[in-house]
């Protein structure tokens, strides 16, 4: 879930930020206010050059007069952790050194355009095709959906593509369960190995204890012999 968006020098937006809450969030404003630009910025933050390629030129995205655009999106991944994406680009190229993902501890967990996109897909469970086909609805498509419904009827499920989103969500859950099951199996295998190692160590410990007992007996006998020798020496000394 996306929780925060920050945009600088992107299309018509000089600087802006928004906090996203759970449930349905509406972006409203007059024509040219930048509503579509916000959605485009989110898509670029998530998928970088993969989203831009074939759709735009970077020079069309950077606000006129600015040297670069900055987009930051904070989201919660399917692993329950929060991450912030930052992408910076000029009219000519992406600035790779300033394009990264940081975790909730401020540690960089992905750097450069391609690696950032791969990390986003991994932690959201939503690849570019799923996002563009199921989750991203353009303004013209909304009008078409509204026109196809019967008069006075608002097809909210069609507009939001809830069935498709639910299928995508189920796939994410299944993939997460597969990962968890794989990890559980790995831990079980490791536990079996450790169990065998523990049994081996116990056997080795028992053997060492037996050896220690034998050595202790030998030492005790030698101490007895030594005391006997000392007694004989003392007796000889007394006779002299």
C-alpha atoms as a PDB file:
ATOM      1  CA  UNK A   1       0.000   0.000   0.000  1.00  0.00           C
ATOM      2  CA  UNK A   2       1.292   3.445  -0.957  1.00  0.00           C
ATOM      3  CA  UNK A   3       1.251   5.809   2.026  1.00  0.00           C
ATOM      4  CA  UNK A   4       3.047   8.961   0.847  1.00  0.00           C
ATOM      5  CA  UNK A   5       4.008  10.718  -2.398  1.00  0.00           C
ATOM      6  CA  UNK A   6       6.486  13.574  -2.877  1.00  0.00           C
ATOM      7  CA  UNK A   7       7.041  15.241  -6.254  1.00  0.00           C
ATOM      8  CA  UNK A   8       9.397  18.011  -7.357  1.00  0.00           C
ATOM      9  CA  UNK A   9       9.656  19.648 -10.795  1.00  0.00           C
ATOM     10  CA  UNK A  10       7.550  17.032 -12.560  1.00  0.00           C
ATOM     11  CA  UNK A  11       5.377  18.163 -15.494  1.00  0.00           C
ATOM     12  CA  UNK A  12       3.193  21.014 -14.176  1.00  0.00           C
ATOM     13  CA  UNK A  13       3.984  20.278 -10.523  1.00  0.00           C
ATOM     14  CA  UNK A  14       6.597  22.529  -8.910  1.00  0.00           C
ATOM     15  CA  UNK A  15       6.542  20.760  -5.572  1.00  0.00           C
ATOM     16  CA  UNK A  16       3.876  18.705  -3.876  1.00  0.00           C
ATOM     17  CA  UNK A  17       3.238  15.896  -1.460  1.00  0.00           C
ATOM     18  CA  UNK A  18       0.276  13.790  -0.422  1.00  0.00           C
ATOM     19  CA  UNK A  19      -0.479  11.292   2.329  1.00  0.00           C
ATOM     20  CA  UNK A  20      -2.508   8.256   1.258  1.00  0.00           C
ATOM     21  CA  UNK A  21      -4.795   6.572   3.775  1.00  0.00           C
ATOM     22  CA  UNK A  22      -6.495   3.182   3.754  1.00  0.00           C
ATOM     23  CA  UNK A  23      -9.633   2.861   1.666  1.00  0.00           C
ATOM     24  CA  UNK A  24     -10.491   4.868  -1.444  1.00  0.00           C
ATOM     25  CA  UNK A  25      -8.580   8.115  -1.985  1.00  0.00           C
ATOM     26  CA  UNK A  26      -9.838  10.733  -4.451  1.00  0.00           C
ATOM     27  CA  UNK A  27      -7.664  13.230  -6.310  1.00  0.00           C
ATOM     28  CA  UNK A  28      -9.736  16.164  -7.515  1.00  0.00           C
ATOM     29  CA  UNK A  29      -9.078  19.548  -9.054  1.00  0.00           C
ATOM     30  CA  UNK A  30      -9.614  21.598 -12.218  1.00  0.00           C
ATOM     31  CA  UNK A  31      -8.222  20.589 -15.594  1.00  0.00           C
ATOM     32  CA  UNK A  32      -4.469  21.057 -15.773  1.00  0.00           C
ATOM     33  CA  UNK A  33      -4.042  20.959 -12.000  1.00  0.00           C
ATOM     34  CA  UNK A  34      -1.812  17.881 -12.214  1.00  0.00           C
ATOM     35  CA  UNK A  35      -4.138  15.033 -11.218  1.00  0.00           C
ATOM     36  CA  UNK A  36      -2.947  12.745 -13.997  1.00  0.00           C
ATOM     37  CA  UNK A  37       0.644  13.805 -13.355  1.00  0.00           C
ATOM     38  CA  UNK A  38       0.392  12.410  -9.826  1.00  0.00           C
ATOM     39  CA  UNK A  39      -0.654   8.997 -11.171  1.00  0.00           C
ATOM     40  CA  UNK A  40       2.113   9.107 -13.768  1.00  0.00           C
ATOM     41  CA  UNK A  41       4.637  10.004 -11.060  1.00  0.00           C
ATOM     42  CA  UNK A  42       3.543   6.993  -8.993  1.00  0.00           C
ATOM     43  CA  UNK A  43       3.933   4.695 -12.004  1.00  0.00           C
ATOM     44  CA  UNK A  44       7.402   6.090 -12.762  1.00  0.00           C
ATOM     45  CA  UNK A  45       8.451   5.767  -9.116  1.00  0.00           C
ATOM     46  CA  UNK A  46       7.416   2.111  -9.100  1.00  0.00           C
ATOM     47  CA  UNK A  47       8.698   1.006 -12.505  1.00  0.00           C
ATOM     48  CA  UNK A  48      11.142   3.676 -13.673  1.00  0.00           C
ATOM     49  CA  UNK A  49      12.423   3.445 -17.223  1.00  0.00           C
ATOM     50  CA  UNK A  50      10.276   0.365 -17.900  1.00  0.00           C
ATOM     51  CA  UNK A  51       7.175   2.549 -17.539  1.00  0.00           C
ATOM     52  CA  UNK A  52       8.644   5.547 -19.376  1.00  0.00           C
ATOM     53  CA  UNK A  53       9.920   3.550 -22.366  1.00  0.00           C
ATOM     54  CA  UNK A  54       7.549   3.881 -25.318  1.00  0.00           C
ATOM     55  CA  UNK A  55       5.274   6.316 -23.488  1.00  0.00           C
ATOM     56  CA  UNK A  56       7.240   9.513 -22.882  1.00  0.00           C
ATOM     57  CA  UNK A  57      10.508  11.300 -23.380  1.00  0.00           C
ATOM     58  CA  UNK A  58      12.228  12.338 -20.166  1.00  0.00           C
ATOM     59  CA  UNK A  59      12.408  15.866 -21.506  1.00  0.00           C
ATOM     60  CA  UNK A  60       8.592  15.973 -21.542  1.00  0.00           C
ATOM     61  CA  UNK A  61       8.422  14.965 -17.871  1.00  0.00           C
ATOM     62  CA  UNK A  62      10.896  17.393 -16.297  1.00  0.00           C
ATOM     63  CA  UNK A  63       9.223  20.723 -15.554  1.00  0.00           C
ATOM     64  CA  UNK A  64      10.284  23.469 -17.939  1.00  0.00           C
ATOM     65  CA  UNK A  65      13.169  25.452 -16.492  1.00  0.00           C
ATOM     66  CA  UNK A  66      14.153  22.723 -14.004  1.00  0.00           C
ATOM     67  CA  UNK A  67      17.339  20.685 -14.272  1.00  0.00           C
ATOM     68  CA  UNK A  68      15.810  17.474 -12.898  1.00  0.00           C
ATOM     69  CA  UNK A  69      12.702  15.845 -11.451  1.00  0.00           C
ATOM     70  CA  UNK A  70      12.502  14.050  -8.104  1.00  0.00           C
ATOM     71  CA  UNK A  71       9.815  11.535  -7.181  1.00  0.00           C
ATOM     72  CA  UNK A  72       9.567   9.777  -3.822  1.00  0.00           C
ATOM     73  CA  UNK A  73       6.949   7.173  -2.954  1.00  0.00           C
ATOM     74  CA  UNK A  74       6.622   5.469   0.425  1.00  0.00           C
ATOM     75  CA  UNK A  75       4.822   2.131   0.563  1.00  0.00           C
ATOM     76  CA  UNK A  76       4.303  -0.933   2.721  1.00  0.00           C
ATOM     77  CA  UNK A  77       5.445  -4.169   1.113  1.00  0.00           C
ATOM     78  CA  UNK A  78       3.816  -7.574   1.267  1.00  0.00           C
ATOM     79  CA  UNK A  79       6.500  -8.490   3.808  1.00  0.00           C
ATOM     80  CA  UNK A  80       5.013  -5.937   6.240  1.00  0.00           C
ATOM     81  CA  UNK A  81       7.993  -3.549   6.050  1.00  0.00           C
ATOM     82  CA  UNK A  82       7.929   0.070   4.876  1.00  0.00           C
ATOM     83  CA  UNK A  83      10.116   1.330   2.046  1.00  0.00           C
ATOM     84  CA  UNK A  84      10.715   4.630   0.272  1.00  0.00           C
ATOM     85  CA  UNK A  85      11.556   4.823  -3.425  1.00  0.00           C
ATOM     86  CA  UNK A  86      13.439   7.802  -4.817  1.00  0.00           C
ATOM     87  CA  UNK A  87      13.947   8.365  -8.531  1.00  0.00           C
ATOM     88  CA  UNK A  88      15.788  11.371  -9.954  1.00  0.00           C
ATOM     89  CA  UNK A  89      16.105  12.100 -13.658  1.00  0.00           C
ATOM     90  CA  UNK A  90      17.113  14.931 -15.980  1.00  0.00           C
ATOM     91  CA  UNK A  91      15.665  15.631 -19.440  1.00  0.00           C
ATOM     92  CA  UNK A  92      18.372  13.325 -20.830  1.00  0.00           C
ATOM     93  CA  UNK A  93      18.770  10.429 -18.394  1.00  0.00           C
ATOM     94  CA  UNK A  94      18.103   8.831 -15.020  1.00  0.00           C
ATOM     95  CA  UNK A  95      20.594   9.804 -12.314  1.00  0.00           C
ATOM     96  CA  UNK A  96      21.432   6.287 -11.177  1.00  0.00           C
ATOM     97  CA  UNK A  97      23.337   7.282  -8.024  1.00  0.00           C
ATOM     98  CA  UNK A  98      20.258   9.118  -6.713  1.00  0.00           C
ATOM     99  CA  UNK A  99      17.789   6.391  -7.663  1.00  0.00           C
ATOM    100  CA  UNK A 100      17.329   3.950  -4.794  1.00  0.00           C
ATOM    101  CA  UNK A 101      15.066   2.315  -2.199  1.00  0.00           C
ATOM    102  CA  UNK A 102      15.612   2.741   1.540  1.00  0.00           C
ATOM    103  CA  UNK A 103      14.032   0.629   4.260  1.00  0.00           C
ATOM    104  CA  UNK A 104      12.425   1.823   7.484  1.00  0.00           C
ATOM    105  CA  UNK A 105      15.877   2.020   9.104  1.00  0.00           C
ATOM    106  CA  UNK A 106      17.204   4.331   6.392  1.00  0.00           C
ATOM    107  CA  UNK A 107      19.371   1.592   4.853  1.00  0.00           C
ATOM    108  CA  UNK A 108      19.646   1.427   1.056  1.00  0.00           C
ATOM    109  CA  UNK A 109      18.317  -1.942  -0.089  1.00  0.00           C
ATOM    110  CA  UNK A 110      18.332  -1.316  -3.860  1.00  0.00           C
ATOM    111  CA  UNK A 111      20.253   1.133  -6.035  1.00  0.00           C
ATOM    112  CA  UNK A 112      19.987   2.106  -9.733  1.00  0.00           C
ATOM    113  CA  UNK A 113      16.950   2.056 -12.002  1.00  0.00           C
ATOM    114  CA  UNK A 114      16.764  -1.641 -12.870  1.00  0.00           C
ATOM    115  CA  UNK A 115      17.531  -2.936  -9.375  1.00  0.00           C
ATOM    116  CA  UNK A 116      14.962  -0.566  -7.841  1.00  0.00           C
ATOM    117  CA  UNK A 117      12.239  -1.829 -10.192  1.00  0.00           C
ATOM    118  CA  UNK A 118      13.112  -5.459  -9.434  1.00  0.00           C
ATOM    119  CA  UNK A 119      12.959  -4.747  -5.699  1.00  0.00           C
ATOM    120  CA  UNK A 120       9.564  -3.026  -6.040  1.00  0.00           C
ATOM    121  CA  UNK A 121       8.126  -5.994  -7.955  1.00  0.00           C
ATOM    122  CA  UNK A 122       9.488  -8.386  -5.327  1.00  0.00           C
ATOM    123  CA  UNK A 123       8.117  -6.448  -2.343  1.00  0.00           C
ATOM    124  CA  UNK A 124       4.722  -5.558  -3.857  1.00  0.00           C
ATOM    125  CA  UNK A 125       4.046  -8.730  -5.827  1.00  0.00           C
ATOM    126  CA  UNK A 126       2.860  -6.557  -8.743  1.00  0.00           C
ATOM    127  CA  UNK A 127       4.856  -6.457 -11.966  1.00  0.00           C
ATOM    128  CA  UNK A 128       4.576  -3.833 -14.697  1.00  0.00           C
ATOM    129  CA  UNK A 129       2.065  -5.791 -16.803  1.00  0.00           C
ATOM    130  CA  UNK A 130      -0.237  -6.362 -13.834  1.00  0.00           C
ATOM    131  CA  UNK A 131      -0.029  -2.708 -12.845  1.00  0.00           C
ATOM    132  CA  UNK A 132      -0.671  -1.332 -16.323  1.00  0.00           C
ATOM    133  CA  UNK A 133      -3.414  -3.809 -17.236  1.00  0.00           C
ATOM    134  CA  UNK A 134      -5.258  -4.139 -13.947  1.00  0.00           C
ATOM    135  CA  UNK A 135      -4.531  -1.222 -11.640  1.00  0.00           C
ATOM    136  CA  UNK A 136      -3.796   1.840 -13.764  1.00  0.00           C
ATOM    137  CA  UNK A 137      -6.942   3.377 -15.275  1.00  0.00           C
ATOM    138  CA  UNK A 138      -6.487   6.376 -17.554  1.00  0.00           C
ATOM    139  CA  UNK A 139      -8.896   9.291 -17.592  1.00  0.00           C
ATOM    140  CA  UNK A 140     -10.316   8.421 -21.021  1.00  0.00           C
ATOM    141  CA  UNK A 141     -10.903   4.835 -19.940  1.00  0.00           C
ATOM    142  CA  UNK A 142     -12.976   6.032 -16.986  1.00  0.00           C
ATOM    143  CA  UNK A 143     -15.261   7.984 -19.315  1.00  0.00           C
ATOM    144  CA  UNK A 144     -15.664   4.921 -21.529  1.00  0.00           C
ATOM    145  CA  UNK A 145     -16.535   2.714 -18.559  1.00  0.00           C
ATOM    146  CA  UNK A 146     -19.114   5.206 -17.368  1.00  0.00           C
ATOM    147  CA  UNK A 147     -20.671   5.406 -20.849  1.00  0.00           C
ATOM    148  CA  UNK A 148     -21.009   1.621 -21.146  1.00  0.00           C
ATOM    149  CA  UNK A 149     -23.186   1.332 -18.025  1.00  0.00           C
ATOM    150  CA  UNK A 150     -26.965   1.678 -18.148  1.00  0.00           C
ATOM    151  CA  UNK A 151     -28.340   5.127 -17.490  1.00  0.00           C
ATOM    152  CA  UNK A 152     -28.076   6.046 -13.831  1.00  0.00           C
ATOM    153  CA  UNK A 153     -25.933   3.016 -13.075  1.00  0.00           C
ATOM    154  CA  UNK A 154     -22.339   3.453 -11.876  1.00  0.00           C
ATOM    155  CA  UNK A 155     -20.251   0.350 -12.459  1.00  0.00           C
ATOM    156  CA  UNK A 156     -17.830   0.810  -9.594  1.00  0.00           C
ATOM    157  CA  UNK A 157     -16.546  -2.760  -9.761  1.00  0.00           C
ATOM    158  CA  UNK A 158     -15.688  -2.272 -13.451  1.00  0.00           C
ATOM    159  CA  UNK A 159     -14.107   1.112 -12.845  1.00  0.00           C
ATOM    160  CA  UNK A 160     -11.907  -0.186 -10.055  1.00  0.00           C
ATOM    161  CA  UNK A 161     -11.411  -3.596 -11.710  1.00  0.00           C
ATOM    162  CA  UNK A 162     -12.036  -5.223  -8.368  1.00  0.00           C
ATOM    163  CA  UNK A 163     -12.192  -8.781  -9.728  1.00  0.00           C
ATOM    164  CA  UNK A 164      -8.815  -8.400 -11.395  1.00  0.00           C
ATOM    165  CA  UNK A 165      -7.330  -6.751  -8.326  1.00  0.00           C
ATOM    166  CA  UNK A 166      -8.656  -9.574  -6.149  1.00  0.00           C
ATOM    167  CA  UNK A 167      -7.081 -12.146  -8.470  1.00  0.00           C
ATOM    168  CA  UNK A 168      -3.786 -10.284  -8.295  1.00  0.00           C
ATOM    169  CA  UNK A 169      -4.063 -10.160  -4.508  1.00  0.00           C
ATOM    170  CA  UNK A 170      -4.721 -13.896  -4.347  1.00  0.00           C
ATOM    171  CA  UNK A 171      -1.664 -14.550  -6.516  1.00  0.00           C
ATOM    172  CA  UNK A 172       0.458 -12.428  -4.189  1.00  0.00           C
ATOM    173  CA  UNK A 173      -0.866 -14.373  -1.190  1.00  0.00           C
ATOM    174  CA  UNK A 174      -0.181 -17.705  -2.905  1.00  0.00           C
ATOM    175  CA  UNK A 175       3.349 -16.642  -3.799  1.00  0.00           C
ATOM    176  CA  UNK A 176       3.938 -15.485  -0.228  1.00  0.00           C
ATOM    177  CA  UNK A 177       2.666 -18.824   1.095  1.00  0.00           C
ATOM    178  CA  UNK A 178       4.936 -20.693  -1.308  1.00  0.00           C
ATOM    179  CA  UNK A 179       7.897 -18.682  -0.063  1.00  0.00           C
ATOM    180  CA  UNK A 180       6.937 -19.313   3.566  1.00  0.00           C
ATOM    181  CA  UNK A 181       6.481 -23.051   2.940  1.00  0.00           C
ATOM    182  CA  UNK A 182       9.838 -23.228   1.174  1.00  0.00           C
ATOM    183  CA  UNK A 183      11.480 -21.515   4.122  1.00  0.00           C
ATOM    184  CA  UNK A 184       9.748 -23.856   6.589  1.00  0.00           C
ATOM    185  CA  UNK A 185      10.985 -26.882   4.635  1.00  0.00           C
ATOM    186  CA  UNK A 186      14.472 -25.425   4.618  1.00  0.00           C
ATOM    187  CA  UNK A 187      14.346 -24.913   8.381  1.00  0.00           C
ATOM    188  CA  UNK A 188      13.079 -28.466   8.887  1.00  0.00           C
ATOM    189  CA  UNK A 189      15.967 -29.816   6.847  1.00  0.00           C
ATOM    190  CA  UNK A 190      18.412 -27.738   8.843  1.00  0.00           C
ATOM    191  CA  UNK A 191      16.816 -28.951  12.080  1.00  0.00           C
ATOM    192  CA  UNK A 192      17.285 -32.574  11.001  1.00  0.00           C
ATOM    193  CA  UNK A 193      20.945 -31.922  10.221  1.00  0.00           C
ATOM    194  CA  UNK A 194      21.432 -30.252  13.598  1.00  0.00           C
ATOM    195  CA  UNK A 195      19.665 -33.184  15.285  1.00  0.00           C
ATOM    196  CA  UNK A 196      22.058 -35.649  13.674  1.00  0.00           C
ATOM    197  CA  UNK A 197      25.010 -33.477  14.641  1.00  0.00           C
ATOM    198  CA  UNK A 198      23.703 -33.328  18.219  1.00  0.00           C
ATOM    199  CA  UNK A 199      23.409 -37.131  18.389  1.00  0.00           C
ATOM    200  CA  UNK A 200      26.947 -37.427  17.046  1.00  0.00           C
ATOM    201  CA  UNK A 201      28.225 -34.940  19.628  1.00  0.00           C
ATOM    202  CA  UNK A 202      26.451 -36.811  22.406  1.00  0.00           C
ATOM    203  CA  UNK A 203      28.132 -40.058  21.340  1.00  0.00           C
ATOM    204  CA  UNK A 204      31.489 -38.320  21.198  1.00  0.00           C
ATOM    205  CA  UNK A 205      30.872 -36.829  24.649  1.00  0.00           C
ATOM    206  CA  UNK A 206      30.059 -40.270  26.056  1.00  0.00           C
ATOM    207  CA  UNK A 207      33.316 -41.666  24.623  1.00  0.00           C
ATOM    208  CA  UNK A 208      35.295 -38.786  26.082  1.00  0.00           C
ATOM    209  CA  UNK A 209      33.687 -39.353  29.485  1.00  0.00           C
ATOM    210  CA  UNK A 210      34.740 -43.022  29.347  1.00  0.00           C
ATOM    211  CA  UNK A 211      38.293 -42.029  28.431  1.00  0.00           C
ATOM    212  CA  UNK A 212      38.302 -39.495  31.263  1.00  0.00           C
ATOM    213  CA  UNK A 213      37.216 -42.164  33.739  1.00  0.00           C
ATOM    214  CA  UNK A 214      40.001 -44.475  32.541  1.00  0.00           C
ATOM    215  CA  UNK A 215      42.583 -41.708  32.788  1.00  0.00           C
ATOM    216  CA  UNK A 216      41.288 -40.806  36.263  1.00  0.00           C
ATOM    217  CA  UNK A 217      41.713 -44.426  37.398  1.00  0.00           C
ATOM    218  CA  UNK A 218      45.236 -44.581  35.982  1.00  0.00           C
ATOM    219  CA  UNK A 219      46.092 -41.271  37.638  1.00  0.00           C
ATOM    220  CA  UNK A 220      44.729 -42.524  40.958  1.00  0.00           C
ATOM    221  CA  UNK A 221      46.849 -45.688  40.702  1.00  0.00           C
ATOM    222  CA  UNK A 222      49.946 -43.682  39.844  1.00  0.00           C
ATOM    223  CA  UNK A 223      49.316 -41.376  42.792  1.00  0.00           C
ATOM    224  CA  UNK A 224      49.106 -44.455  45.042  1.00  0.00           C
ATOM    225  CA  UNK A 225      52.359 -45.791  43.621  1.00  0.00           C
ATOM    226  CA  UNK A 226      53.985 -42.397  44.138  1.00  0.00           C
ATOM    227  CA  UNK A 227      52.910 -42.306  47.781  1.00  0.00           C
ATOM    228  CA  UNK A 228      54.337 -45.805  48.242  1.00  0.00           C
ATOM    229  CA  UNK A 229      57.666 -44.725  46.773  1.00  0.00           C
ATOM    230  CA  UNK A 230      57.689 -41.626  48.985  1.00  0.00           C
ATOM    231  CA  UNK A 231      57.064 -43.810  52.052  1.00  0.00           C
ATOM    232  CA  UNK A 232      59.969 -46.091  51.116  1.00  0.00           C
ATOM    233  CA  UNK A 233      62.255 -43.102  50.617  1.00  0.00           C
ATOM    234  CA  UNK A 234      61.267 -41.689  53.995  1.00  0.00           C
ATOM    235  CA  UNK A 235      61.880 -45.054  55.660  1.00  0.00           C
ATOM    236  CA  UNK A 236      65.355 -45.346  54.119  1.00  0.00           C
ATOM    237  CA  UNK A 237      66.176 -41.815  55.209  1.00  0.00           C
ATOM    238  CA  UNK A 238      65.167 -42.660  58.784  1.00  0.00           C
ATOM    239  CA  UNK A 239      67.435 -45.734  58.891  1.00  0.00           C
ATOM    240  CA  UNK A 240      70.412 -43.709  57.805  1.00  0.00           C
END
